[in-house]
PDB file of all heavy atoms in Angstrom:
ATOM      1  N   GLU A   1      74.240 109.185  86.246  1.00  0.00           N
ATOM      2  CA  GLU A   1      75.095 109.611  85.145  1.00  0.00           C
ATOM      3  C   GLU A   1      74.357 110.598  84.249  1.00  0.00           C
ATOM      4  O   GLU A   1      73.150 110.480  84.049  1.00  0.00           O
ATOM      5  CB  GLU A   1      75.538 108.418  84.286  1.00  0.00           C
ATOM      6  CG  GLU A   1      76.500 107.467  84.961  1.00  0.00           C
ATOM      7  CD  GLU A   1      76.982 106.376  84.015  1.00  0.00           C
ATOM      8  OE1 GLU A   1      76.806 106.527  82.781  1.00  0.00           O
ATOM      9  OE2 GLU A   1      77.530 105.374  84.504  1.00  0.00           O
ATOM     10  N   ILE A   2      75.113 111.556  83.711  1.00  0.00           N
ATOM     11  CA  ILE A   2      74.584 112.488  82.720  1.00  0.00           C
ATOM     12  C   ILE A   2      75.527 112.494  81.529  1.00  0.00           C
ATOM     13  O   ILE A   2      76.727 112.758  81.683  1.00  0.00           O
ATOM     14  CB  ILE A   2      74.440 113.909  83.308  1.00  0.00           C
ATOM     15  CG1 ILE A   2      73.386 113.906  84.427  1.00  0.00           C
ATOM     16  CG2 ILE A   2      74.050 114.909  82.217  1.00  0.00           C
ATOM     17  CD1 ILE A   2      73.181 115.250  85.070  1.00  0.00           C
ATOM     18  N   ASP A   3      74.972 112.165  80.346  1.00  0.00           N
ATOM     19  CA  ASP A   3      75.780 112.073  79.126  1.00  0.00           C
ATOM     20  C   ASP A   3      77.007 111.189  79.326  1.00  0.00           C
ATOM     21  O   ASP A   3      78.149 111.569  79.003  1.00  0.00           O
ATOM     22  CB  ASP A   3      76.198 113.473  78.645  1.00  0.00           C
ATOM     23  CG  ASP A   3      75.038 114.223  78.001  1.00  0.00           C
ATOM     24  OD1 ASP A   3      74.066 113.560  77.600  1.00  0.00           O
ATOM     25  OD2 ASP A   3      75.104 115.455  77.913  1.00  0.00           O
ATOM     26  N   ASN A   4      76.764 110.008  79.897  1.00  0.00           N
ATOM     27  CA  ASN A   4      77.802 108.991  80.113  1.00  0.00           C
ATOM     28  C   ASN A   4      78.889 109.425  81.099  1.00  0.00           C
ATOM     29  O   ASN A   4      79.947 108.792  81.175  1.00  0.00           O
ATOM     30  CB  ASN A   4      78.463 108.590  78.777  1.00  0.00           C
ATOM     31  CG  ASN A   4      77.473 107.983  77.811  1.00  0.00           C
ATOM     32  OD1 ASN A   4      76.657 107.141  78.187  1.00  0.00           O
ATOM     33  ND2 ASN A   4      77.528 108.419  76.557  1.00  0.00           N
ATOM     34  N   GLN A   5      78.621 110.475  81.843  1.00  0.00           N
ATOM     35  CA  GLN A   5      79.581 110.945  82.836  1.00  0.00           C
ATOM     36  C   GLN A   5      79.045 110.660  84.232  1.00  0.00           C
ATOM     37  O   GLN A   5      77.961 111.108  84.598  1.00  0.00           O
ATOM     38  CB  GLN A   5      79.824 112.451  82.666  1.00  0.00           C
ATOM     39  CG  GLN A   5      80.866 113.004  83.627  1.00  0.00           C
ATOM     40  CD  GLN A   5      81.079 114.494  83.435  1.00  0.00           C
ATOM     41  OE1 GLN A   5      80.188 115.211  82.977  1.00  0.00           O
ATOM     42  NE2 GLN A   5      82.262 114.982  83.772  1.00  0.00           N
ATOM     43  N   ARG A   6      79.796 109.886  84.993  1.00  0.00           N
ATOM     44  CA  ARG A   6      79.399 109.562  86.355  1.00  0.00           C
ATOM     45  C   ARG A   6      79.401 110.818  87.210  1.00  0.00           C
ATOM     46  O   ARG A   6      80.318 111.647  87.131  1.00  0.00           O
ATOM     47  CB  ARG A   6      80.379 108.536  86.943  1.00  0.00           C
ATOM     48  CG  ARG A   6      80.110 108.151  88.387  1.00  0.00           C
ATOM     49  CD  ARG A   6      78.908 107.255  88.523  1.00  0.00           C
ATOM     50  NE  ARG A   6      78.414 107.234  89.879  1.00  0.00           N
ATOM     51  CZ  ARG A   6      77.459 106.422  90.313  1.00  0.00           C
ATOM     52  NH1 ARG A   6      76.909 105.562  89.485  1.00  0.00           N
ATOM     53  NH2 ARG A   6      77.041 106.455  91.548  1.00  0.00           N
ATOM     54  N   ILE A   7      78.370 111.001  88.030  1.00  0.00           N
ATOM     55  CA  ILE A   7      78.303 112.149  88.926  1.00  0.00           C
ATOM     56  C   ILE A   7      79.252 111.924  90.098  1.00  0.00           C
ATOM     57  O   ILE A   7      79.196 110.888  90.766  1.00  0.00           O
ATOM     58  CB  ILE A   7      76.868 112.373  89.422  1.00  0.00           C
ATOM     59  CG1 ILE A   7      75.931 112.646  88.230  1.00  0.00           C
ATOM     60  CG2 ILE A   7      76.811 113.542  90.407  1.00  0.00           C
ATOM     61  CD1 ILE A   7      74.471 112.734  88.586  1.00  0.00           C
ATOM     62  N   THR A   8      80.132 112.894  90.312  1.00  0.00           N
ATOM     63  CA  THR A   8      81.154 112.776  91.344  1.00  0.00           C
ATOM     64  C   THR A   8      81.138 113.980  92.273  1.00  0.00           C
ATOM     65  O   THR A   8      80.376 114.935  92.072  1.00  0.00           O
ATOM     66  CB  THR A   8      82.561 112.669  90.712  1.00  0.00           C
ATOM     67  OG1 THR A   8      82.860 113.919  90.070  1.00  0.00           O
ATOM     68  CG2 THR A   8      82.629 111.542  89.698  1.00  0.00           C
ATOM     69  N   THR A   9      82.027 113.944  93.264  1.00  0.00           N
ATOM     70  CA  THR A   9      82.150 115.047  94.201  1.00  0.00           C
ATOM     71  C   THR A   9      82.447 116.361  93.495  1.00  0.00           C
ATOM     72  O   THR A   9      81.901 117.402  93.836  1.00  0.00           O
ATOM     73  CB  THR A   9      83.284 114.769  95.212  1.00  0.00           C
ATOM     74  OG1 THR A   9      83.093 113.484  95.776  1.00  0.00           O
ATOM     75  CG2 THR A   9      83.314 115.814  96.304  1.00  0.00           C
ATOM     76  N   THR A  10      83.300 116.298  92.482  1.00  0.00           N
ATOM     77  CA  THR A  10      83.757 117.522  91.842  1.00  0.00           C
ATOM     78  C   THR A  10      82.814 118.062  90.767  1.00  0.00           C
ATOM     79  O   THR A  10      82.827 119.256  90.484  1.00  0.00           O
ATOM     80  CB  THR A  10      85.146 117.299  91.202  1.00  0.00           C
ATOM     81  OG1 THR A  10      85.068 116.188  90.290  1.00  0.00           O
ATOM     82  CG2 THR A  10      86.188 117.004  92.272  1.00  0.00           C
ATOM     83  N   ASN A  11      81.978 117.203  90.187  1.00  0.00           N
ATOM     84  CA  ASN A  11      81.146 117.690  89.078  1.00  0.00           C
ATOM     85  C   ASN A  11      79.658 117.747  89.399  1.00  0.00           C
ATOM     86  O   ASN A  11      78.850 118.052  88.520  1.00  0.00           O
ATOM     87  CB  ASN A  11      81.370 116.837  87.823  1.00  0.00           C
ATOM     88  CG  ASN A  11      80.813 115.418  87.954  1.00  0.00           C
ATOM     89  OD1 ASN A  11      80.060 115.096  88.864  1.00  0.00           O
ATOM     90  ND2 ASN A  11      81.205 114.544  87.022  1.00  0.00           N
ATOM     91  N   VAL A  12      79.282 117.449  90.630  1.00  0.00           N
ATOM     92  CA  VAL A  12      77.857 117.349  90.944  1.00  0.00           C
ATOM     93  C   VAL A  12      77.125 118.664  90.708  1.00  0.00           C
ATOM     94  O   VAL A  12      76.003 118.687  90.202  1.00  0.00           O
ATOM     95  CB  VAL A  12      77.648 116.840  92.390  1.00  0.00           C
ATOM     96  CG1 VAL A  12      78.230 117.805  93.409  1.00  0.00           C
ATOM     97  CG2 VAL A  12      76.168 116.590  92.654  1.00  0.00           C
ATOM     98  N   GLN A  13      77.764 119.791  91.051  1.00  0.00           N
ATOM     99  CA  GLN A  13      77.105 121.081  90.842  1.00  0.00           C
ATOM    100  C   GLN A  13      76.924 121.367  89.352  1.00  0.00           C
ATOM    101  O   GLN A  13      75.869 121.820  88.909  1.00  0.00           O
ATOM    102  CB  GLN A  13      77.922 122.193  91.498  1.00  0.00           C
ATOM    103  CG  GLN A  13      77.264 123.570  91.414  1.00  0.00           C
ATOM    104  CD  GLN A  13      76.006 123.659  92.238  1.00  0.00           C
ATOM    105  OE1 GLN A  13      76.046 123.582  93.466  1.00  0.00           O
ATOM    106  NE2 GLN A  13      74.862 123.823  91.586  1.00  0.00           N
ATOM    107  N   ALA A  14      77.952 121.085  88.558  1.00  0.00           N
ATOM    108  CA  ALA A  14      77.867 121.308  87.115  1.00  0.00           C
ATOM    109  C   ALA A  14      76.819 120.395  86.480  1.00  0.00           C
ATOM    110  O   ALA A  14      76.079 120.814  85.581  1.00  0.00           O
ATOM    111  CB  ALA A  14      79.239 121.067  86.474  1.00  0.00           C
ATOM    112  N   CYS A  15      76.727 119.157  86.961  1.00  0.00           N
ATOM    113  CA  CYS A  15      75.723 118.219  86.446  1.00  0.00           C
ATOM    114  C   CYS A  15      74.319 118.707  86.758  1.00  0.00           C
ATOM    115  O   CYS A  15      73.414 118.623  85.916  1.00  0.00           O
ATOM    116  CB  CYS A  15      75.952 116.833  87.031  1.00  0.00           C
ATOM    117  SG  CYS A  15      77.383 115.959  86.360  1.00  0.00           S
ATOM    118  N   TYR A  16      74.150 119.213  87.967  1.00  0.00           N
ATOM    119  CA  TYR A  16      72.833 119.727  88.353  1.00  0.00           C
ATOM    120  C   TYR A  16      72.435 120.883  87.444  1.00  0.00           C
ATOM    121  O   TYR A  16      71.315 120.933  86.931  1.00  0.00           O
ATOM    122  CB  TYR A  16      72.851 120.175  89.810  1.00  0.00           C
ATOM    123  CG  TYR A  16      71.543 120.785  90.262  1.00  0.00           C
ATOM    124  CD1 TYR A  16      70.525 119.991  90.778  1.00  0.00           C
ATOM    125  CD2 TYR A  16      71.309 122.152  90.144  1.00  0.00           C
ATOM    126  CE1 TYR A  16      69.317 120.540  91.162  1.00  0.00           C
ATOM    127  CE2 TYR A  16      70.102 122.704  90.526  1.00  0.00           C
ATOM    128  CZ  TYR A  16      69.112 121.906  91.045  1.00  0.00           C
ATOM    129  OH  TYR A  16      67.916 122.448  91.411  1.00  0.00           O
ATOM    130  N   SER A  17      73.354 121.826  87.243  1.00  0.00           N
ATOM    131  CA  SER A  17      73.057 122.989  86.416  1.00  0.00           C
ATOM    132  C   SER A  17      72.755 122.586  84.977  1.00  0.00           C
ATOM    133  O   SER A  17      71.854 123.132  84.339  1.00  0.00           O
ATOM    134  CB  SER A  17      74.231 123.973  86.454  1.00  0.00           C
ATOM    135  OG  SER A  17      74.448 124.453  87.767  1.00  0.00           O
ATOM    136  N   LYS A  18      73.494 121.625  84.459  1.00  0.00           N
ATOM    137  CA  LYS A  18      73.267 121.165  83.097  1.00  0.00           C
ATOM    138  C   LYS A  18      71.905 120.509  82.950  1.00  0.00           C
ATOM    139  O   LYS A  18      71.221 120.672  81.936  1.00  0.00           O
ATOM    140  CB  LYS A  18      74.361 120.166  82.701  1.00  0.00           C
ATOM    141  CG  LYS A  18      74.284 119.683  81.257  1.00  0.00           C
ATOM    142  CD  LYS A  18      75.441 118.760  80.927  1.00  0.00           C
ATOM    143  CE  LYS A  18      75.409 118.327  79.470  1.00  0.00           C
ATOM    144  NZ  LYS A  18      76.544 117.433  79.119  1.00  0.00           N
ATOM    145  N   LEU A  19      71.491 119.802  83.986  1.00  0.00           N
ATOM    146  CA  LEU A  19      70.217 119.090  83.952  1.00  0.00           C
ATOM    147  C   LEU A  19      69.034 120.030  84.120  1.00  0.00           C
ATOM    148  O   LEU A  19      68.030 119.917  83.415  1.00  0.00           O
ATOM    149  CB  LEU A  19      70.192 118.030  85.056  1.00  0.00           C
ATOM    150  CG  LEU A  19      68.930 117.174  85.174  1.00  0.00           C
ATOM    151  CD1 LEU A  19      68.738 116.336  83.927  1.00  0.00           C
ATOM    152  CD2 LEU A  19      69.016 116.288  86.402  1.00  0.00           C
ATOM    153  N   ILE A  20      69.153 120.972  85.054  1.00  0.00           N
ATOM    154  CA  ILE A  20      68.018 121.819  85.412  1.00  0.00           C
ATOM    155  C   ILE A  20      67.955 123.099  84.598  1.00  0.00           C
ATOM    156  O   ILE A  20      66.883 123.552  84.204  1.00  0.00           O
ATOM    157  CB  ILE A  20      68.075 122.166  86.921  1.00  0.00           C
ATOM    158  CG1 ILE A  20      67.994 120.888  87.750  1.00  0.00           C
ATOM    159  CG2 ILE A  20      66.951 123.114  87.312  1.00  0.00           C
ATOM    160  CD1 ILE A  20      66.707 120.112  87.575  1.00  0.00           C
ATOM    161  N   LYS A  21      69.120 123.695  84.333  1.00  0.00           N
ATOM    162  CA  LYS A  21      69.130 124.998  83.675  1.00  0.00           C
ATOM    163  C   LYS A  21      70.284 125.074  82.680  1.00  0.00           C
ATOM    164  O   LYS A  21      71.278 125.769  82.912  1.00  0.00           O
ATOM    165  CB  LYS A  21      69.252 126.111  84.730  1.00  0.00           C
ATOM    166  CG  LYS A  21      68.827 127.477  84.252  1.00  0.00           C
ATOM    167  CD  LYS A  21      68.850 128.469  85.407  1.00  0.00           C
ATOM    168  CE  LYS A  21      68.369 129.836  84.965  1.00  0.00           C
ATOM    169  NZ  LYS A  21      68.393 130.816  86.090  1.00  0.00           N
ATOM    170  N   PRO A  22      70.177 124.368  81.547  1.00  0.00           N
ATOM    171  CA  PRO A  22      71.270 124.382  80.574  1.00  0.00           C
ATOM    172  C   PRO A  22      71.463 125.766  79.977  1.00  0.00           C
ATOM    173  O   PRO A  22      70.519 126.547  79.872  1.00  0.00           O
ATOM    174  CB  PRO A  22      70.811 123.370  79.521  1.00  0.00           C
ATOM    175  CG  PRO A  22      69.329 123.328  79.648  1.00  0.00           C
ATOM    176  CD  PRO A  22      69.040 123.544  81.102  1.00  0.00           C
ATOM    177  N   SER A  23      72.695 126.064  79.566  1.00  0.00           N
ATOM    178  CA  SER A  23      73.008 127.392  79.035  1.00  0.00           C
ATOM    179  C   SER A  23      72.497 127.586  77.617  1.00  0.00           C
ATOM    180  O   SER A  23      72.407 128.707  77.129  1.00  0.00           O
ATOM    181  CB  SER A  23      74.530 127.617  79.076  1.00  0.00           C
ATOM    182  OG  SER A  23      75.207 126.608  78.335  1.00  0.00           O
ATOM    183  N   SER A  24      72.176 126.501  76.928  1.00  0.00           N
ATOM    184  CA  SER A  24      71.670 126.581  75.554  1.00  0.00           C
ATOM    185  C   SER A  24      70.791 125.361  75.289  1.00  0.00           C
ATOM    186  O   SER A  24      70.843 124.377  76.034  1.00  0.00           O
ATOM    187  CB  SER A  24      72.832 126.630  74.567  1.00  0.00           C
ATOM    188  OG  SER A  24      73.626 125.462  74.666  1.00  0.00           O
ATOM    189  N   PRO A  25      69.972 125.416  74.231  1.00  0.00           N
ATOM    190  CA  PRO A  25      69.137 124.247  73.902  1.00  0.00           C
ATOM    191  C   PRO A  25      70.002 123.005  73.734  1.00  0.00           C
ATOM    192  O   PRO A  25      71.039 123.042  73.090  1.00  0.00           O
ATOM    193  CB  PRO A  25      68.473 124.659  72.590  1.00  0.00           C
ATOM    194  CG  PRO A  25      68.454 126.148  72.635  1.00  0.00           C
ATOM    195  CD  PRO A  25      69.727 126.549  73.324  1.00  0.00           C
ATOM    196  N   THR A  26      69.553 121.923  74.317  1.00  0.00           N
ATOM    197  CA  THR A  26      70.389 120.729  74.298  1.00  0.00           C
ATOM    198  C   THR A  26      69.560 119.474  74.505  1.00  0.00           C
ATOM    199  O   THR A  26      68.408 119.536  74.931  1.00  0.00           O
ATOM    200  CB  THR A  26      71.473 120.826  75.403  1.00  0.00           C
ATOM    201  OG1 THR A  26      72.368 119.719  75.284  1.00  0.00           O
ATOM    202  CG2 THR A  26      70.837 120.789  76.783  1.00  0.00           C
ATOM    203  N   SER A  27      70.151 118.348  74.208  1.00  0.00           N
ATOM    204  CA  SER A  27      69.570 117.039  74.484  1.00  0.00           C
ATOM    205  C   SER A  27      70.514 116.319  75.426  1.00  0.00           C
ATOM    206  O   SER A  27      71.731 116.290  75.191  1.00  0.00           O
ATOM    207  CB  SER A  27      69.403 116.247  73.189  1.00  0.00           C
ATOM    208  OG  SER A  27      68.887 114.961  73.448  1.00  0.00           O
ATOM    209  N   ILE A  28      69.977 115.756  76.501  1.00  0.00           N
ATOM    210  CA  ILE A  28      70.803 115.150  77.540  1.00  0.00           C
ATOM    211  C   ILE A  28      70.348 113.715  77.777  1.00  0.00           C
ATOM    212  O   ILE A  28      69.151 113.437  77.838  1.00  0.00           O
ATOM    213  CB  ILE A  28      70.704 115.946  78.855  1.00  0.00           C
ATOM    214  CG1 ILE A  28      71.175 117.386  78.652  1.00  0.00           C
ATOM    215  CG2 ILE A  28      71.511 115.279  79.969  1.00  0.00           C
ATOM    216  CD1 ILE A  28      70.946 118.264  79.872  1.00  0.00           C
ATOM    217  N   LYS A  29      71.317 112.840  77.926  1.00  0.00           N
ATOM    218  CA  LYS A  29      71.010 111.466  78.315  1.00  0.00           C
ATOM    219  C   LYS A  29      71.318 111.298  79.797  1.00  0.00           C
ATOM    220  O   LYS A  29      72.414 111.632  80.243  1.00  0.00           O
ATOM    221  CB  LYS A  29      71.840 110.470  77.493  1.00  0.00           C
ATOM    222  CG  LYS A  29      71.453 110.423  76.023  1.00  0.00           C
ATOM    223  CD  LYS A  29      72.215 109.330  75.305  1.00  0.00           C
ATOM    224  CE  LYS A  29      71.863 109.300  73.824  1.00  0.00           C
ATOM    225  NZ  LYS A  29      70.433 108.957  73.607  1.00  0.00           N
ATOM    226  N   VAL A  30      70.350 110.790  80.537  1.00  0.00           N
ATOM    227  CA  VAL A  30      70.558 110.552  81.957  1.00  0.00           C
ATOM    228  C   VAL A  30      70.325 109.073  82.260  1.00  0.00           C
ATOM    229  O   VAL A  30      69.487 108.422  81.635  1.00  0.00           O
ATOM    230  CB  VAL A  30      69.617 111.422  82.830  1.00  0.00           C
ATOM    231  CG1 VAL A  30      69.854 112.901  82.582  1.00  0.00           C
ATOM    232  CG2 VAL A  30      68.147 111.083  82.582  1.00  0.00           C
ATOM    233  N   LYS A  31      71.095 108.566  83.200  1.00  0.00           N
ATOM    234  CA  LYS A  31      70.970 107.157  83.582  1.00  0.00           C
ATOM    235  C   LYS A  31      70.585 107.075  85.049  1.00  0.00           C
ATOM    236  O   LYS A  31      71.153 107.762  85.896  1.00  0.00           O
ATOM    237  CB  LYS A  31      72.296 106.419  83.360  1.00  0.00           C
ATOM    238  CG  LYS A  31      72.251 104.929  83.720  1.00  0.00           C
ATOM    239  CD  LYS A  31      73.613 104.273  83.578  1.00  0.00           C
ATOM    240  CE  LYS A  31      74.010 104.131  82.128  1.00  0.00           C
ATOM    241  NZ  LYS A  31      75.268 103.336  81.997  1.00  0.00           N
ATOM    242  N   ASP A  32      69.588 106.231  85.358  1.00  0.00           N
ATOM    243  CA  ASP A  32      69.208 106.064  86.748  1.00  0.00           C
ATOM    244  C   ASP A  32      70.061 104.978  87.399  1.00  0.00           C
ATOM    245  O   ASP A  32      70.893 104.328  86.733  1.00  0.00           O
ATOM    246  CB  ASP A  32      67.709 105.776  86.888  1.00  0.00           C
ATOM    247  CG  ASP A  32      67.285 104.430  86.301  1.00  0.00           C
ATOM    248  OD1 ASP A  32      68.156 103.564  86.079  1.00  0.00           O
ATOM    249  OD2 ASP A  32      66.077 104.238  86.078  1.00  0.00           O
ATOM    250  N   LYS A  33      69.854 104.787  88.699  1.00  0.00           N
ATOM    251  CA  LYS A  33      70.722 103.861  89.436  1.00  0.00           C
ATOM    252  C   LYS A  33      70.542 102.406  88.992  1.00  0.00           C
ATOM    253  O   LYS A  33      71.393 101.560  89.284  1.00  0.00           O
ATOM    254  CB  LYS A  33      70.464 103.985  90.933  1.00  0.00           C
ATOM    255  CG  LYS A  33      69.106 103.500  91.389  1.00  0.00           C
ATOM    256  CD  LYS A  33      69.005 103.557  92.906  1.00  0.00           C
ATOM    257  CE  LYS A  33      67.682 102.978  93.386  1.00  0.00           C
ATOM    258  NZ  LYS A  33      67.581 102.971  94.863  1.00  0.00           N
ATOM    259  N   ASP A  34      69.434 102.128  88.279  1.00  0.00           N
ATOM    260  CA  ASP A  34      69.214 100.777  87.773  1.00  0.00           C
ATOM    261  C   ASP A  34      69.775 100.585  86.361  1.00  0.00           C
ATOM    262  O   ASP A  34      69.611  99.513  85.771  1.00  0.00           O
ATOM    263  CB  ASP A  34      67.716 100.459  87.775  1.00  0.00           C
ATOM    264  CG  ASP A  34      67.130 100.472  89.178  1.00  0.00           C
ATOM    265  OD1 ASP A  34      67.817  99.981  90.095  1.00  0.00           O
ATOM    266  OD2 ASP A  34      66.003 100.978  89.357  1.00  0.00           O
ATOM    267  N   GLY A  35      70.402 101.638  85.809  1.00  0.00           N
ATOM    268  CA  GLY A  35      71.043 101.527  84.508  1.00  0.00           C
ATOM    269  C   GLY A  35      70.172 101.899  83.323  1.00  0.00           C
ATOM    270  O   GLY A  35      70.623 101.827  82.175  1.00  0.00           O
ATOM    271  N   LYS A  36      68.928 102.327  83.559  1.00  0.00           N
ATOM    272  CA  LYS A  36      68.062 102.706  82.455  1.00  0.00           C
ATOM    273  C   LYS A  36      68.406 104.117  81.997  1.00  0.00           C
ATOM    274  O   LYS A  36      68.622 105.009  82.816  1.00  0.00           O
ATOM    275  CB  LYS A  36      66.594 102.633  82.872  1.00  0.00           C
ATOM    276  CG  LYS A  36      65.629 102.901  81.718  1.00  0.00           C
ATOM    277  CD  LYS A  36      64.186 102.680  82.115  1.00  0.00           C
ATOM    278  CE  LYS A  36      63.250 102.940  80.948  1.00  0.00           C
ATOM    279  NZ  LYS A  36      61.831 102.709  81.296  1.00  0.00           N
ATOM    280  N   VAL A  37      68.436 104.320  80.688  1.00  0.00           N
ATOM    281  CA  VAL A  37      68.823 105.605  80.113  1.00  0.00           C
ATOM    282  C   VAL A  37      67.586 106.330  79.569  1.00  0.00           C
ATOM    283  O   VAL A  37      66.735 105.729  78.905  1.00  0.00           O
ATOM    284  CB  VAL A  37      69.860 105.418  78.984  1.00  0.00           C
ATOM    285  CG1 VAL A  37      70.196 106.758  78.340  1.00  0.00           C
ATOM    286  CG2 VAL A  37      71.124 104.766  79.533  1.00  0.00           C
ATOM    287  N   TYR A  38      67.517 107.620  79.848  1.00  0.00           N
ATOM    288  CA  TYR A  38      66.432 108.473  79.371  1.00  0.00           C
ATOM    289  C   TYR A  38      67.035 109.641  78.607  1.00  0.00           C
ATOM    290  O   TYR A  38      68.068 110.186  78.999  1.00  0.00           O
ATOM    291  CB  TYR A  38      65.607 109.027  80.539  1.00  0.00           C
ATOM    292  CG  TYR A  38      65.065 107.986  81.487  1.00  0.00           C
ATOM    293  CD1 TYR A  38      65.870 107.437  82.483  1.00  0.00           C
ATOM    294  CD2 TYR A  38      63.737 107.574  81.410  1.00  0.00           C
ATOM    295  CE1 TYR A  38      65.371 106.486  83.361  1.00  0.00           C
ATOM    296  CE2 TYR A  38      63.228 106.627  82.295  1.00  0.00           C
ATOM    297  CZ  TYR A  38      64.055 106.092  83.267  1.00  0.00           C
ATOM    298  OH  TYR A  38      63.565 105.163  84.138  1.00  0.00           O
ATOM    299  N   THR A  39      66.389 110.038  77.524  1.00  0.00           N
ATOM    300  CA  THR A  39      66.845 111.203  76.761  1.00  0.00           C
ATOM    301  C   THR A  39      65.849 112.335  76.956  1.00  0.00           C
ATOM    302  O   THR A  39      64.664 112.187  76.652  1.00  0.00           O
ATOM    303  CB  THR A  39      66.966 110.886  75.265  1.00  0.00           C
ATOM    304  OG1 THR A  39      67.894 109.810  75.088  1.00  0.00           O
ATOM    305  CG2 THR A  39      67.449 112.107  74.496  1.00  0.00           C
ATOM    306  N   ILE A  40      66.332 113.446  77.478  1.00  0.00           N
ATOM    307  CA  ILE A  40      65.458 114.595  77.710  1.00  0.00           C
ATOM    308  C   ILE A  40      65.985 115.798  76.943  1.00  0.00           C
ATOM    309  O   ILE A  40      67.190 115.973  76.776  1.00  0.00           O
ATOM    310  CB  ILE A  40      65.317 114.930  79.210  1.00  0.00           C
ATOM    311  CG1 ILE A  40      66.685 115.160  79.851  1.00  0.00           C
ATOM    312  CG2 ILE A  40      64.563 113.830  79.931  1.00  0.00           C
ATOM    313  CD1 ILE A  40      66.595 115.559  81.316  1.00  0.00           C
ATOM    314  N   ASN A  41      65.060 116.613  76.456  1.00  0.00           N
ATOM    315  CA  ASN A  41      65.407 117.769  75.647  1.00  0.00           C
ATOM    316  C   ASN A  41      65.040 119.049  76.373  1.00  0.00           C
ATOM    317  O   ASN A  41      63.966 119.149  76.984  1.00  0.00           O
ATOM    318  CB  ASN A  41      64.666 117.719  74.302  1.00  0.00           C
ATOM    319  CG  ASN A  41      64.987 116.457  73.528  1.00  0.00           C
ATOM    320  OD1 ASN A  41      66.149 116.159  73.290  1.00  0.00           O
ATOM    321  ND2 ASN A  41      63.952 115.708  73.153  1.00  0.00           N
ATOM    322  N   SER A  42      65.921 120.026  76.304  1.00  0.00           N
ATOM    323  CA  SER A  42      65.615 121.318  76.896  1.00  0.00           C
ATOM    324  C   SER A  42      64.728 122.109  75.941  1.00  0.00           C
ATOM    325  O   SER A  42      64.694 121.859  74.737  1.00  0.00           O
ATOM    326  CB  SER A  42      66.895 122.099  77.187  1.00  0.00           C
ATOM    327  OG  SER A  42      67.557 122.418  75.975  1.00  0.00           O
TER     328      SER A  42
END
């Protein structure tokens, strides 16, 4: 999950771009498969 949004077939590319190369400075919350949440800043 990225920012409480489950990664799906339709949004996986947008999620990848947001995570790796955001269009502007941002803070993102990501959740791993075990449910732990991490906050990362661009």
